[in-house]
Amino acid sequence: MESIRFEDQQQARENFRRKYEDDPELLKATPPMDMPKSFRARIRAGADSSAVAQAASELPGVSISVDQACLIDNSPPWGSFTDRFRMKF
């Protein structure tokens, strides 16, 4: 694990706003309460990101663990993913 950080709803909203600043319709349609609290983790290069995401999904209080490595390869045209996986609770 390289790093792990907590992101509260306010930070999630700010990140969302920065990422989609060119889409006022989306920002208007997404209320702040829709932003989940989460932990964002970066893993070392070469680590098995799917194994880390699987282990994280089994932690108490975690509702979803997303391995974003597979999303990086297929990143959408509107942005890219910087974190390797995200745990929402």
C-alpha atoms as a PDB file:
ATOM      1  CA  MET A   1       0.000   0.000   0.000  1.00  0.00           C
ATOM      2  CA  GLU A   2       1.441   3.385  -0.953  1.00  0.00           C
ATOM      3  CA  SER A   3      -1.169   5.521   0.763  1.00  0.00           C
ATOM      4  CA  ILE A   4      -4.696   5.585   2.094  1.00  0.00           C
ATOM      5  CA  ARG A   5      -6.813   8.628   2.850  1.00  0.00           C
ATOM      6  CA  PHE A   6     -10.321   9.360   4.074  1.00  0.00           C
ATOM      7  CA  GLU A   7     -12.600  11.526   1.943  1.00  0.00           C
ATOM      8  CA  ASP A   8     -15.645  13.022   3.676  1.00  0.00           C
ATOM      9  CA  GLN A   9     -18.787  14.189   1.861  1.00  0.00           C
ATOM     10  CA  GLN A  10     -17.554  17.760   1.572  1.00  0.00           C
ATOM     11  CA  GLN A  11     -14.232  16.673   0.034  1.00  0.00           C
ATOM     12  CA  ALA A  12     -16.066  14.275  -2.288  1.00  0.00           C
ATOM     13  CA  ARG A  13     -18.335  17.108  -3.425  1.00  0.00           C
ATOM     14  CA  GLU A  14     -15.371  19.426  -4.051  1.00  0.00           C
ATOM     15  CA  ASN A  15     -13.548  16.750  -6.065  1.00  0.00           C
ATOM     16  CA  PHE A  16     -16.735  16.038  -8.023  1.00  0.00           C
ATOM     17  CA  ARG A  17     -17.244  19.748  -8.679  1.00  0.00           C
ATOM     18  CA  ARG A  18     -13.659  20.178  -9.937  1.00  0.00           C
ATOM     19  CA  LYS A  19     -13.855  17.092 -12.130  1.00  0.00           C
ATOM     20  CA  TYR A  20     -17.159  18.091 -13.734  1.00  0.00           C
ATOM     21  CA  GLU A  21     -16.859  21.872 -13.649  1.00  0.00           C
ATOM     22  CA  ASP A  22     -17.617  21.998 -17.386  1.00  0.00           C
ATOM     23  CA  ASP A  23     -20.937  20.198 -16.890  1.00  0.00           C
ATOM     24  CA  PRO A  24     -23.233  22.528 -14.905  1.00  0.00           C
ATOM     25  CA  GLU A  25     -26.272  20.352 -15.642  1.00  0.00           C
ATOM     26  CA  LEU A  26     -24.649  17.362 -13.938  1.00  0.00           C
ATOM     27  CA  LEU A  27     -23.523  19.480 -10.982  1.00  0.00           C
ATOM     28  CA  LYS A  28     -27.011  20.886 -10.575  1.00  0.00           C
ATOM     29  CA  ALA A  29     -28.606  17.428 -10.793  1.00  0.00           C
ATOM     30  CA  THR A  30     -26.281  15.860  -8.198  1.00  0.00           C
ATOM     31  CA  PRO A  31     -27.087  16.895  -4.639  1.00  0.00           C
ATOM     32  CA  PRO A  32     -24.271  17.031  -2.053  1.00  0.00           C
ATOM     33  CA  MET A  33     -25.912  14.229  -0.053  1.00  0.00           C
ATOM     34  CA  ASP A  34     -25.235  11.873  -3.000  1.00  0.00           C
ATOM     35  CA  MET A  35     -21.499  12.154  -2.387  1.00  0.00           C
ATOM     36  CA  PRO A  36     -20.311   9.131  -0.391  1.00  0.00           C
ATOM     37  CA  LYS A  37     -17.746   9.143   2.390  1.00  0.00           C
ATOM     38  CA  SER A  38     -14.919   6.863   1.357  1.00  0.00           C
ATOM     39  CA  PHE A  39     -11.349   5.764   1.756  1.00  0.00           C
ATOM     40  CA  ARG A  40      -9.098   6.114  -1.269  1.00  0.00           C
ATOM     41  CA  ALA A  41      -6.042   3.936  -1.487  1.00  0.00           C
ATOM     42  CA  ARG A  42      -3.061   3.750  -3.796  1.00  0.00           C
ATOM     43  CA  ILE A  43      -1.235   0.473  -4.109  1.00  0.00           C
ATOM     44  CA  ARG A  44       2.295  -0.135  -5.259  1.00  0.00           C
ATOM     45  CA  ALA A  45       2.986  -0.811  -8.924  1.00  0.00           C
ATOM     46  CA  GLY A  46       2.783  -4.511  -9.651  1.00  0.00           C
ATOM     47  CA  ALA A  47       0.524  -5.280  -6.688  1.00  0.00           C
ATOM     48  CA  ASP A  48      -2.612  -7.347  -7.280  1.00  0.00           C
ATOM     49  CA  SER A  49      -5.238  -4.595  -7.160  1.00  0.00           C
ATOM     50  CA  SER A  50      -8.150  -7.011  -7.478  1.00  0.00           C
ATOM     51  CA  ALA A  51      -6.936  -8.939  -4.405  1.00  0.00           C
ATOM     52  CA  VAL A  52      -6.647  -5.694  -2.432  1.00  0.00           C
ATOM     53  CA  ALA A  53     -10.148  -4.623  -3.494  1.00  0.00           C
ATOM     54  CA  GLN A  54     -11.533  -8.060  -2.584  1.00  0.00           C
ATOM     55  CA  ALA A  55      -9.922  -7.945   0.862  1.00  0.00           C
ATOM     56  CA  ALA A  56     -11.207  -4.403   1.408  1.00  0.00           C
ATOM     57  CA  SER A  57     -14.746  -5.434   0.471  1.00  0.00           C
ATOM     58  CA  GLU A  58     -14.720  -7.934   3.352  1.00  0.00           C
ATOM     59  CA  LEU A  59     -13.907  -5.304   5.993  1.00  0.00           C
ATOM     60  CA  PRO A  60     -16.689  -4.428   8.452  1.00  0.00           C
ATOM     61  CA  GLY A  61     -18.692  -1.384   7.387  1.00  0.00           C
ATOM     62  CA  VAL A  62     -17.552  -1.418   3.749  1.00  0.00           C
ATOM     63  CA  SER A  63     -20.540  -1.454   1.394  1.00  0.00           C
ATOM     64  CA  ILE A  64     -18.551  -1.500  -1.861  1.00  0.00           C
ATOM     65  CA  SER A  65     -14.931  -1.726  -2.890  1.00  0.00           C
ATOM     66  CA  VAL A  66     -14.098  -0.693  -6.432  1.00  0.00           C
ATOM     67  CA  ASP A  67     -10.893  -1.761  -8.161  1.00  0.00           C
ATOM     68  CA  GLN A  68     -10.421   1.166 -10.489  1.00  0.00           C
ATOM     69  CA  ALA A  69      -7.457  -0.420 -12.269  1.00  0.00           C
ATOM     70  CA  CYS A  70      -9.858  -2.017 -14.739  1.00  0.00           C
ATOM     71  CA  LEU A  71     -11.515   1.370 -15.243  1.00  0.00           C
ATOM     72  CA  ILE A  72      -8.198   3.077 -15.982  1.00  0.00           C
ATOM     73  CA  ASP A  73      -7.713   0.873 -19.036  1.00  0.00           C
ATOM     74  CA  ASN A  74     -11.213   1.796 -20.217  1.00  0.00           C
ATOM     75  CA  SER A  75     -11.355   5.347 -18.904  1.00  0.00           C
ATOM     76  CA  PRO A  76     -14.268   7.411 -20.127  1.00  0.00           C
ATOM     77  CA  PRO A  77     -13.699  10.364 -22.443  1.00  0.00           C
ATOM     78  CA  TRP A  78     -14.742  12.825 -19.740  1.00  0.00           C
ATOM     79  CA  GLY A  79     -11.963  12.006 -17.292  1.00  0.00           C
ATOM     80  CA  SER A  80      -9.498   9.572 -15.836  1.00  0.00           C
ATOM     81  CA  PHE A  81      -9.160   7.744 -12.556  1.00  0.00           C
ATOM     82  CA  THR A  82      -6.276   8.542 -10.251  1.00  0.00           C
ATOM     83  CA  ASP A  83      -6.848   6.181  -7.353  1.00  0.00           C
ATOM     84  CA  ARG A  84      -6.513   2.428  -7.570  1.00  0.00           C
ATOM     85  CA  PHE A  85      -9.557   1.510  -5.528  1.00  0.00           C
ATOM     86  CA  ARG A  86     -12.185   3.126  -3.398  1.00  0.00           C
ATOM     87  CA  MET A  87     -14.145   1.800  -0.437  1.00  0.00           C
ATOM     88  CA  LYS A  88     -17.533   3.301   0.318  1.00  0.00           C
ATOM     89  CA  PHE A  89     -19.299   2.844   3.619  1.00  0.00           C
END
